[in-house]
Each structure stands twice: as C-alpha cells, then as structure tokens.
Amino acid sequence: MKKYTFFLSPLTAVHIGTGEVISPIEYAIGRINQKDVLFTFYPEKLVSLFNNEELNVFNNLAEKNDIVGLRSFLSEKSKSKDYIQKCINYIAWISEEFKKKYEETKNDKNNALEIATTYKGNNKIIIPGSSIKGAIRTSILNCLSQQEQYADYRVTEQDKRDDRRFQQMLLDYYDAKNDPFRAISLSDVFFEPKENLIVSPMMLSHFNTNENPVGINIYIEALKGVLFNPDISGRGEIMIKDEMLDKKIILNENKTFILKRKKFHNIDDLSKCINDFYNNMFTDEYNKVQEGKMSDSIKAIYDQIADYIDTEMKNKNEILIRIGRWSHIEAVTVEKYRKPFNRKGYGKTRTLIQYNKALYPMGWCAMKINI
C-alpha cells in the first residue's frame, strides 16, 4: 500500500450535512472574549441539575406551554456559572447576520430558527474522507470522458439517465466489487472547532436578475475558510492499495479487464485531473458572476478567491477542489453529459453563506498532496 499525506485548507466555508438540526430551545447566545458566540446545550441535562425552585419555574412554564418563556429561562440558566460547564455541548461563533435574526425572533413563539449541523465527532469538525473521495471521483470521471480512447463509447440517452451505468462504462467495471476506486481510500480530516465553527444564514443569488440576494430561511453551521481565518488547515492521508492494481477480472470470453489500472491511481495524474476539473469549474462560475447582475460585493468576493487561487495556491503548489453541500450541480456532474443550464433552472443561481456583511460561495478548498 502506498500512502500520501495531504493537507486541506477550506478557502470558503464548508458544510457537510448531517440531516440534523438544533432548535432554539437547545442553544443560547452569549459572548466570549468580546465575541458573539452560540452555546449549544443539553436541555435534559440542564433540567436535571435544577434545584426545587428552578424546577418549579420550569414546570410552570411547560404547563402553560409558554415556549418563549421556556427558551428564555433555559437560555439564561445554561449560561450561568453554576451550570455552563455541566450542560454545554459545544460552542460556535456567530455572524452579525445570525445574531440580528436571533434578536428579532427570540420573543416570537413561532420562531423556528433551527440550525443545520455540520459533521463533527470527538470534539472536532470533520470533513469525511468519503466526501473528498467523491469529489475526486467526479473529477476523474470528467477527465476520462474527455479522452480520445473513450470516444468509442456510445452514450445513449438511457446511459445519461442511469448514473451507475454511466460510471461503469467510463471506469470499465462490471459491478461494485470491481470498481477501480476500491483501491483508493482517504482518511477523514479533522479541524479544531475553536473559532473555526461558525453559524450564519444562507442567501440565494441569481446570475441574471436584479433581485439579489434573496433570503431563504436556512441557517447552518459551517467550517470557516481561509478567507475568514488564514491559519485553518487539516491533515489527511490518501491510501492506494498496490496489491490490487494488477488483479485481472474476466468479464466475458472476449474481454480481459485489469481491475486496478495504474492510470487511475498515478498520484500525479490524479492531482492533474482534480485541479483541471475544479479550476475550469471555478473559471466558469467566476465568469458568470462577473458578467451577470450579481452585486459588486459578490463580484469582489469572487475576485478575492480568484486572486488567492492564482497567487497563494500556485506558490504552494496546491490544487483546487470543491467539497460539501451547496457545491452546486457542476461539482457533481460530468461536463460533457451535464444537463443544459436552461433546463429546470439548473445553474442559474448560487447559494451563498452570508458572513459579516459579505456573501461567499460554499465548498472551495485548497489541497496539497505530498508526493
């Protein structure tokens, strides 16, 4: 087995969806070192610590179904010196925009200011190796689809609709156990949550309309990017199982298939395919933003990202990759067979995170593979 160390630095925020949310009854807003933060706590644990007087207040509020009163009571108690260390789950830093929304709605009983959580474990923020591998796989599929030796594939309309069949054709495998990517595995990448975990709203911006941006009532946790915090970086490993590279599988009497073709696993080729695919994707997105009707502030953010890619990343020999939710259709599809942008609205908008008076695209990361 060959192992390669890599370093991953988010440029913009990254959100790896968990399907879970935290509700307003599970968090409180406070301050640490003059910064606004969100405390998440365990309501059940907090209530179990109450004395008789506090328990009576809690029960009375619950009996009256006083949702606002319960939120306020639990919030204040969770931050008190008697309980904060015993009931706190974790802390996240919040944007100006989230704090404003919270203050506007905290006394509204219909407030459903839920926060979609990002992937975490063992007190760390995690970008799973499976998410990185998925992004790499898309770039390799795209790379293969452009090569002349694959021009003999006749991709029918049915093939385009059947993603599994399409991938099997490009990677030349019969079933899942023969998938060439079985020889590649990536470790998870861990990040310290302190000041790197942020909570902020998402906004929708259209390329070619003046109604920008539009609030969509989605609030998320996300991992900060380099544009928010220059020192953020995580370490991982790419593992390639050499013993699987030359295993042969007979698909039929006329065709012998080498299960793990070296061209799929050469680390230089992998790096080039990844970087080419995502650089082209960013260039296309950048051009749409600059030529469209998005605000000057959004265009300025894209300029900032482009400058970082062209200077900092090139100087460090890093490659560009896009990971996580709101990476948009271009990050998970193959260029040659992608559905047209004018069909069903694909590709007409960007979902951006609003963070302290600026709007940023999601998921762009710099990756450095030590060869």
Protein backbone atom coordinates (compact mmCIF):
# COMPACT_ATOMS: atom_id res chain seq x y z
CA MET A 1 0.00 0.00 0.00
CA LYS A 2 1.21 3.49 -0.89
CA LYS A 3 0.36 6.37 1.42
CA TYR A 4 0.41 10.06 0.56
CA THR A 5 -0.09 12.83 3.08
CA PHE A 6 -2.29 15.71 2.05
CA PHE A 7 -3.30 18.99 3.63
CA LEU A 8 -6.73 20.51 3.13
CA SER A 9 -7.49 24.20 3.65
CA PRO A 10 -11.03 25.44 3.04
CA LEU A 11 -10.98 28.73 1.14
CA THR A 12 -14.65 29.45 1.76
CA ALA A 13 -16.97 27.86 4.30
CA VAL A 14 -17.64 24.10 4.10
CA HIS A 15 -20.82 22.40 5.30
CA ILE A 16 -21.09 18.61 5.44
CA GLY A 17 -24.76 17.94 6.06
CA THR A 18 -25.84 15.55 8.81
CA GLY A 19 -29.61 15.80 8.37
CA GLU A 20 -29.88 17.04 11.96
CA VAL A 21 -30.75 20.46 13.35
CA ILE A 22 -30.51 22.24 16.69
CA SER A 23 -33.62 24.14 17.76
CA PRO A 24 -33.85 27.46 19.66
CA ILE A 25 -34.53 25.51 22.85
CA GLU A 26 -31.10 23.86 22.56
CA TYR A 27 -28.88 26.91 22.24
CA ALA A 28 -28.19 30.32 23.73
CA ILE A 29 -26.35 33.44 22.57
CA GLY A 30 -23.51 34.81 24.69
CA ARG A 31 -20.06 36.37 24.47
CA ILE A 32 -16.51 35.09 24.85
CA ASN A 33 -13.52 37.43 24.63
CA GLN A 34 -15.75 40.21 23.29
CA LYS A 35 -17.07 37.98 20.50
CA ASP A 36 -20.63 36.78 19.99
CA VAL A 37 -20.96 33.02 20.31
CA LEU A 38 -23.63 30.34 20.30
CA PHE A 39 -23.70 27.89 23.20
CA THR A 40 -25.37 24.58 22.44
CA PHE A 41 -26.51 22.67 25.48
CA TYR A 42 -28.39 19.54 26.51
CA PRO A 43 -31.83 20.65 27.81
CA GLU A 44 -32.41 17.35 29.63
CA LYS A 45 -29.07 17.56 31.42
CA LEU A 46 -29.69 21.19 32.33
CA VAL A 47 -33.12 20.43 33.80
CA SER A 48 -31.68 17.52 35.80
CA LEU A 49 -29.39 19.99 37.57
CA PHE A 50 -32.15 22.38 38.67
CA ASN A 51 -32.90 22.93 42.31
CA ASN A 52 -36.52 22.73 43.53
CA GLU A 53 -37.24 26.41 42.92
CA GLU A 54 -35.87 26.32 39.37
CA LEU A 55 -37.70 23.08 38.65
CA ASN A 56 -40.97 24.67 39.75
CA VAL A 57 -40.42 27.61 37.38
CA PHE A 58 -39.62 25.23 34.54
CA ASN A 59 -42.69 23.08 35.19
CA ASN A 60 -44.99 26.11 35.38
CA LEU A 61 -43.71 27.41 32.03
CA ALA A 62 -44.12 23.96 30.49
CA GLU A 63 -47.68 23.59 31.82
CA LYS A 64 -48.62 26.97 30.34
CA ASN A 65 -46.98 25.96 27.04
CA ASP A 66 -45.01 29.23 27.28
CA ILE A 67 -42.50 28.49 24.51
CA VAL A 68 -40.87 31.94 24.65
CA GLY A 69 -40.60 31.78 28.43
CA LEU A 70 -39.06 28.30 28.32
CA ARG A 71 -36.48 29.35 25.75
CA SER A 72 -35.52 32.41 27.74
CA PHE A 73 -35.36 30.53 31.05
CA LEU A 74 -33.27 27.65 29.69
CA SER A 75 -31.04 30.03 27.76
CA GLU A 76 -30.18 32.12 30.80
CA LYS A 77 -29.69 29.10 33.06
CA SER A 78 -27.43 27.36 30.53
CA LYS A 79 -25.06 30.35 30.65
CA SER A 80 -24.98 30.69 34.42
CA LYS A 81 -21.73 29.86 36.19
CA ASP A 82 -23.44 27.07 38.11
CA TYR A 83 -24.41 25.12 35.00
CA ILE A 84 -22.44 26.18 31.95
CA GLN A 85 -19.62 23.67 32.36
CA LYS A 86 -22.03 20.84 33.15
CA CYS A 87 -24.61 21.15 30.40
CA ILE A 88 -22.74 22.72 27.49
CA ASN A 89 -22.34 20.65 24.34
CA TYR A 90 -20.15 22.86 22.15
CA ILE A 91 -19.61 26.49 21.16
CA ALA A 92 -19.80 28.11 17.71
CA TRP A 93 -19.01 31.64 16.60
CA ILE A 94 -21.92 33.52 15.03
CA SER A 95 -22.13 36.09 12.29
CA GLU A 96 -23.62 39.55 12.69
CA GLU A 97 -26.49 38.47 10.47
CA PHE A 98 -27.40 35.46 12.59
CA LYS A 99 -27.30 37.48 15.81
CA LYS A 100 -29.59 40.10 14.27
CA LYS A 101 -32.09 37.46 13.17
CA TYR A 102 -31.97 35.81 16.58
CA GLU A 103 -32.66 39.10 18.36
CA GLU A 104 -35.56 39.82 16.02
CA THR A 105 -37.23 36.46 16.59
CA LYS A 106 -36.31 35.34 20.10
CA ASN A 107 -39.64 36.57 21.52
CA ASP A 108 -41.72 35.07 18.71
CA LYS A 109 -43.36 31.81 19.77
CA ASN A 110 -43.47 30.74 16.12
CA ASN A 111 -39.74 31.23 15.74
CA ALA A 112 -38.26 28.15 14.11
CA LEU A 113 -34.70 29.41 13.91
CA GLU A 114 -33.25 25.93 13.53
CA ILE A 115 -29.59 25.47 12.62
CA ALA A 116 -28.49 22.68 10.29
CA THR A 117 -25.48 20.98 11.85
CA THR A 118 -22.25 20.13 10.07
CA TYR A 119 -20.38 16.87 10.61
CA LYS A 120 -18.49 16.65 13.91
CA GLY A 121 -17.06 14.00 16.21
CA ASN A 122 -14.71 13.68 19.18
CA ASN A 123 -14.92 17.45 19.70
CA LYS A 124 -13.62 18.08 16.18
CA ILE A 125 -15.11 19.39 12.95
CA ILE A 126 -14.75 16.70 10.30
CA ILE A 127 -14.55 16.66 6.52
CA PRO A 128 -15.08 12.95 5.85
CA GLY A 129 -12.68 11.12 3.57
CA SER A 130 -15.73 9.84 1.69
CA SER A 131 -16.71 13.41 0.79
CA ILE A 132 -13.23 14.17 -0.53
CA LYS A 133 -13.13 10.87 -2.41
CA GLY A 134 -16.50 11.64 -4.00
CA ALA A 135 -15.18 14.98 -5.24
CA ILE A 136 -12.07 13.26 -6.64
CA ARG A 137 -14.16 10.58 -8.33
CA THR A 138 -16.25 13.19 -10.15
CA SER A 139 -13.12 14.90 -11.45
CA ILE A 140 -11.66 11.61 -12.70
CA LEU A 141 -14.90 10.66 -14.43
CA ASN A 142 -14.84 14.04 -16.11
CA CYS A 143 -11.19 13.58 -17.11
CA LEU A 144 -11.86 10.15 -18.61
CA SER A 145 -14.90 11.36 -20.55
CA GLN A 146 -12.69 13.86 -22.39
CA GLN A 147 -10.06 11.36 -23.55
CA GLU A 148 -9.94 10.00 -27.09
CA GLN A 149 -9.68 6.36 -26.04
CA TYR A 150 -13.16 6.65 -24.55
CA ALA A 151 -14.71 8.20 -27.65
CA ASP A 152 -15.86 4.76 -28.83
CA TYR A 153 -18.40 4.60 -26.02
CA ARG A 154 -21.81 5.30 -27.42
CA VAL A 155 -23.53 7.06 -24.58
CA THR A 156 -27.26 6.80 -25.13
CA GLU A 157 -29.97 8.88 -23.52
CA GLN A 158 -30.65 5.92 -21.24
CA ASP A 159 -27.00 5.88 -20.18
CA LYS A 160 -27.17 9.56 -19.30
CA ARG A 161 -30.14 8.93 -17.04
CA ASP A 162 -28.55 5.91 -15.36
CA ASP A 163 -25.65 7.28 -13.31
CA ARG A 164 -24.43 3.86 -12.17
CA ARG A 165 -24.30 2.51 -15.73
CA PHE A 166 -22.59 5.67 -16.94
CA GLN A 167 -19.85 5.37 -14.31
CA GLN A 168 -19.35 1.68 -15.05
CA MET A 169 -18.83 2.49 -18.72
CA LEU A 170 -16.23 5.16 -18.03
CA LEU A 171 -14.33 3.24 -15.36
CA ASP A 172 -14.79 -0.07 -17.18
CA TYR A 173 -16.04 -2.25 -14.35
CA TYR A 174 -18.81 -4.80 -14.09
CA ASP A 175 -20.10 -4.46 -10.54
CA ALA A 176 -19.27 -2.62 -7.32
CA LYS A 177 -16.61 -5.09 -6.16
CA ASN A 178 -14.66 -4.41 -9.37
CA ASP A 179 -14.82 -0.62 -9.10
CA PRO A 180 -11.25 0.75 -9.57
CA PHE A 181 -11.85 3.27 -6.80
CA ARG A 182 -11.95 0.44 -4.27
CA ALA A 183 -8.16 0.63 -4.33
CA ILE A 184 -8.26 4.24 -3.11
CA SER A 185 -9.23 5.33 0.38
CA LEU A 186 -8.91 8.67 2.15
CA SER A 187 -8.84 9.41 5.84
CA ASP A 188 -11.13 11.93 7.46
CA VAL A 189 -9.70 15.41 8.01
CA PHE A 190 -10.15 16.98 11.44
CA PHE A 191 -10.28 20.65 12.42
CA GLU A 192 -10.29 22.27 15.83
CA PRO A 193 -13.71 23.84 16.47
CA LYS A 194 -12.37 26.82 18.43
CA GLU A 195 -13.25 29.89 16.34
CA ASN A 196 -13.46 27.69 13.22
CA LEU A 197 -17.11 26.65 13.66
CA ILE A 198 -19.46 29.41 12.52
CA VAL A 199 -23.24 29.84 12.34
CA SER A 200 -24.73 32.02 9.66
CA PRO A 201 -27.65 32.36 7.22
CA MET A 202 -27.70 31.24 3.60
CA MET A 203 -28.79 33.50 0.76
CA LEU A 204 -29.80 32.86 -2.84
CA SER A 205 -28.33 34.98 -5.61
CA HIS A 206 -29.29 34.87 -9.30
CA PHE A 207 -26.77 35.36 -12.07
CA ASN A 208 -29.05 37.38 -14.32
CA THR A 209 -31.71 39.14 -12.27
CA ASN A 210 -31.58 42.27 -10.17
CA GLU A 211 -33.41 40.62 -7.26
CA ASN A 212 -30.24 39.79 -5.36
CA PRO A 213 -29.71 38.38 -2.85
CA VAL A 214 -32.80 36.58 -1.53
CA GLY A 215 -33.11 35.22 2.00
CA ILE A 216 -34.11 31.54 2.09
CA ASN A 217 -34.51 30.99 5.86
CA ILE A 218 -31.72 28.42 6.06
CA TYR A 219 -29.22 28.73 8.89
CA ILE A 220 -26.20 26.48 9.10
CA GLU A 221 -23.08 25.53 10.96
CA ALA A 222 -20.01 25.58 8.74
CA LEU A 223 -16.26 25.22 8.89
CA LYS A 224 -14.56 28.57 8.35
CA GLY A 225 -12.44 29.10 5.28
CA VAL A 226 -9.06 30.74 4.74
CA LEU A 227 -10.82 33.93 3.67
CA PHE A 228 -12.28 34.10 7.20
CA ASN A 229 -9.28 32.66 9.08
CA PRO A 230 -5.86 32.43 7.34
CA ASP A 231 -4.47 29.70 9.60
CA ILE A 232 -7.01 26.92 9.07
CA SER A 233 -5.70 23.61 7.69
CA GLY A 234 -6.22 19.89 8.29
CA ARG A 235 -4.11 16.82 7.52
CA GLY A 236 -5.15 13.53 5.95
CA GLU A 237 -3.86 10.51 4.04
CA ILE A 238 -4.56 9.03 0.63
CA MET A 239 -4.00 5.27 0.59
CA ILE A 240 -3.61 3.31 -2.65
CA LYS A 241 -3.58 -0.47 -2.39
CA ASP A 242 -0.87 -1.54 -4.83
CA GLU A 243 -1.69 -5.21 -4.37
CA MET A 244 -4.99 -4.58 -6.16
CA LEU A 245 -3.55 -2.75 -9.15
CA ASP A 246 -2.88 -5.76 -11.39
CA LYS A 247 -5.72 -8.06 -10.44
CA LYS A 248 -7.45 -9.32 -13.59
CA ILE A 249 -11.14 -10.00 -13.98
CA ILE A 250 -12.58 -11.87 -16.95
CA LEU A 251 -15.79 -10.12 -17.90
CA ASN A 252 -16.54 -12.35 -20.87
CA GLU A 253 -14.71 -14.58 -23.32
CA ASN A 254 -13.63 -11.64 -25.46
CA LYS A 255 -12.52 -9.17 -22.83
CA THR A 256 -10.00 -9.27 -20.01
CA PHE A 257 -10.29 -6.38 -17.61
CA ILE A 258 -7.41 -5.21 -15.38
CA LEU A 259 -9.35 -4.24 -12.28
CA LYS A 260 -6.99 -1.58 -10.99
CA ARG A 261 -5.49 0.27 -13.90
CA LYS A 262 -2.44 2.25 -12.91
CA LYS A 263 -3.58 5.26 -14.87
CA PHE A 264 -6.42 5.65 -12.39
CA HIS A 265 -4.06 5.61 -9.46
CA ASN A 266 -0.99 7.55 -10.51
CA ILE A 267 -0.93 10.36 -7.95
CA ASP A 268 0.34 12.96 -10.44
CA ASP A 269 -2.46 12.10 -12.87
CA LEU A 270 -5.00 12.19 -10.07
CA SER A 271 -3.80 15.63 -9.00
CA LYS A 272 -3.92 17.00 -12.53
CA CYS A 273 -7.45 15.72 -13.19
CA ILE A 274 -8.70 17.17 -9.91
CA ASN A 275 -7.07 20.55 -10.45
CA ASP A 276 -8.11 20.85 -14.11
CA PHE A 277 -11.74 19.98 -13.41
CA TYR A 278 -12.27 22.31 -10.47
CA ASN A 279 -10.23 25.17 -11.94
CA ASN A 280 -12.38 25.03 -15.07
CA MET A 281 -15.48 24.92 -12.90
CA PHE A 282 -14.39 27.93 -10.86
CA THR A 283 -13.46 29.88 -14.01
CA ASP A 284 -16.92 29.24 -15.48
CA GLU A 285 -18.61 30.28 -12.25
CA TYR A 286 -16.39 33.33 -11.92
CA ASN A 287 -17.21 34.47 -15.46
CA LYS A 288 -20.95 34.04 -14.90
CA VAL A 289 -20.73 36.14 -11.74
CA GLN A 290 -18.66 38.90 -13.32
CA GLU A 291 -20.76 39.05 -16.49
CA GLY A 292 -24.11 38.74 -14.70
CA LYS A 293 -26.16 41.02 -12.48
CA MET A 294 -24.88 39.95 -9.08
CA SER A 295 -23.89 42.72 -6.71
CA ASP A 296 -20.48 44.36 -6.80
CA SER A 297 -19.75 42.99 -3.32
CA ILE A 298 -20.30 39.39 -4.53
CA LYS A 299 -18.11 40.05 -7.57
CA ALA A 300 -15.43 41.38 -5.23
CA ILE A 301 -15.50 38.16 -3.19
CA TYR A 302 -15.05 36.10 -6.36
CA ASP A 303 -12.13 38.37 -7.29
CA GLN A 304 -10.63 37.66 -3.88
CA ILE A 305 -10.96 33.89 -4.38
CA ALA A 306 -9.51 34.10 -7.90
CA ASP A 307 -6.52 36.10 -6.65
CA TYR A 308 -5.90 33.54 -3.91
CA ILE A 309 -6.02 30.67 -6.41
CA ASP A 310 -3.68 32.44 -8.84
CA THR A 311 -1.13 33.54 -6.24
CA GLU A 312 -1.17 31.73 -2.88
CA MET A 313 -2.22 28.34 -4.20
CA LYS A 314 0.18 28.34 -7.14
CA ASN A 315 3.05 29.37 -4.87
CA LYS A 316 2.24 26.49 -2.51
CA ASN A 317 1.64 24.00 -5.36
CA GLU A 318 -1.89 23.38 -4.12
CA ILE A 319 -4.76 22.05 -6.22
CA LEU A 320 -8.36 23.25 -6.21
CA ILE A 321 -11.26 21.04 -5.13
CA ARG A 322 -14.88 21.62 -4.07
CA ILE A 323 -16.48 19.69 -1.22
CA GLY A 324 -19.74 19.59 0.67
CA ARG A 325 -23.27 20.89 0.37
CA TRP A 326 -24.07 23.83 -1.90
CA SER A 327 -21.18 23.00 -4.19
CA HIS A 328 -23.80 23.13 -6.96
CA ILE A 329 -24.55 20.84 -9.87
CA GLU A 330 -21.24 21.48 -11.64
CA ALA A 331 -19.30 19.82 -8.81
CA VAL A 332 -21.15 16.53 -9.01
CA THR A 333 -21.67 16.09 -12.76
CA VAL A 334 -19.55 15.43 -15.84
CA GLU A 335 -19.18 18.39 -18.21
CA LYS A 336 -19.80 16.57 -21.46
CA TYR A 337 -23.05 14.99 -20.28
CA ARG A 338 -24.31 17.63 -17.89
CA LYS A 339 -27.91 18.70 -18.33
CA PRO A 340 -28.18 22.09 -20.03
CA PHE A 341 -28.31 25.04 -17.67
CA ASN A 342 -31.51 26.25 -19.26
CA ARG A 343 -33.38 23.09 -18.26
CA LYS A 344 -35.30 23.09 -14.96
CA GLY A 345 -33.37 26.10 -13.74
CA TYR A 346 -30.06 24.31 -13.27
CA GLY A 347 -27.09 26.60 -12.89
CA LYS A 348 -28.99 29.88 -12.74
CA THR A 349 -28.35 30.64 -9.07
CA ARG A 350 -25.72 30.38 -6.34
CA THR A 351 -26.48 29.59 -2.71
CA LEU A 352 -24.08 31.72 -0.67
CA ILE A 353 -23.26 31.99 3.02
CA GLN A 354 -23.73 35.45 4.50
CA TYR A 355 -20.95 36.21 6.92
CA ASN A 356 -20.36 39.62 8.46
CA LYS A 357 -21.66 41.76 5.58
CA ALA A 358 -20.22 39.61 2.80
CA LEU A 359 -21.53 36.69 0.71
CA TYR A 360 -19.30 33.72 -0.09
CA PRO A 361 -19.74 30.61 -2.27
CA MET A 362 -19.53 27.30 -0.44
CA GLY A 363 -17.08 24.42 -0.52
CA TRP A 364 -13.96 25.71 -2.31
CA CYS A 365 -10.81 24.16 -0.81
CA ALA A 366 -7.08 24.10 -1.44
CA MET A 367 -5.45 20.64 -1.34
CA LYS A 368 -1.73 19.93 -1.14
CA ILE A 369 -0.66 16.34 -1.82
CA ASN A 370 2.87 15.48 -0.70
CA ILE A 371 4.26 13.21 -3.42
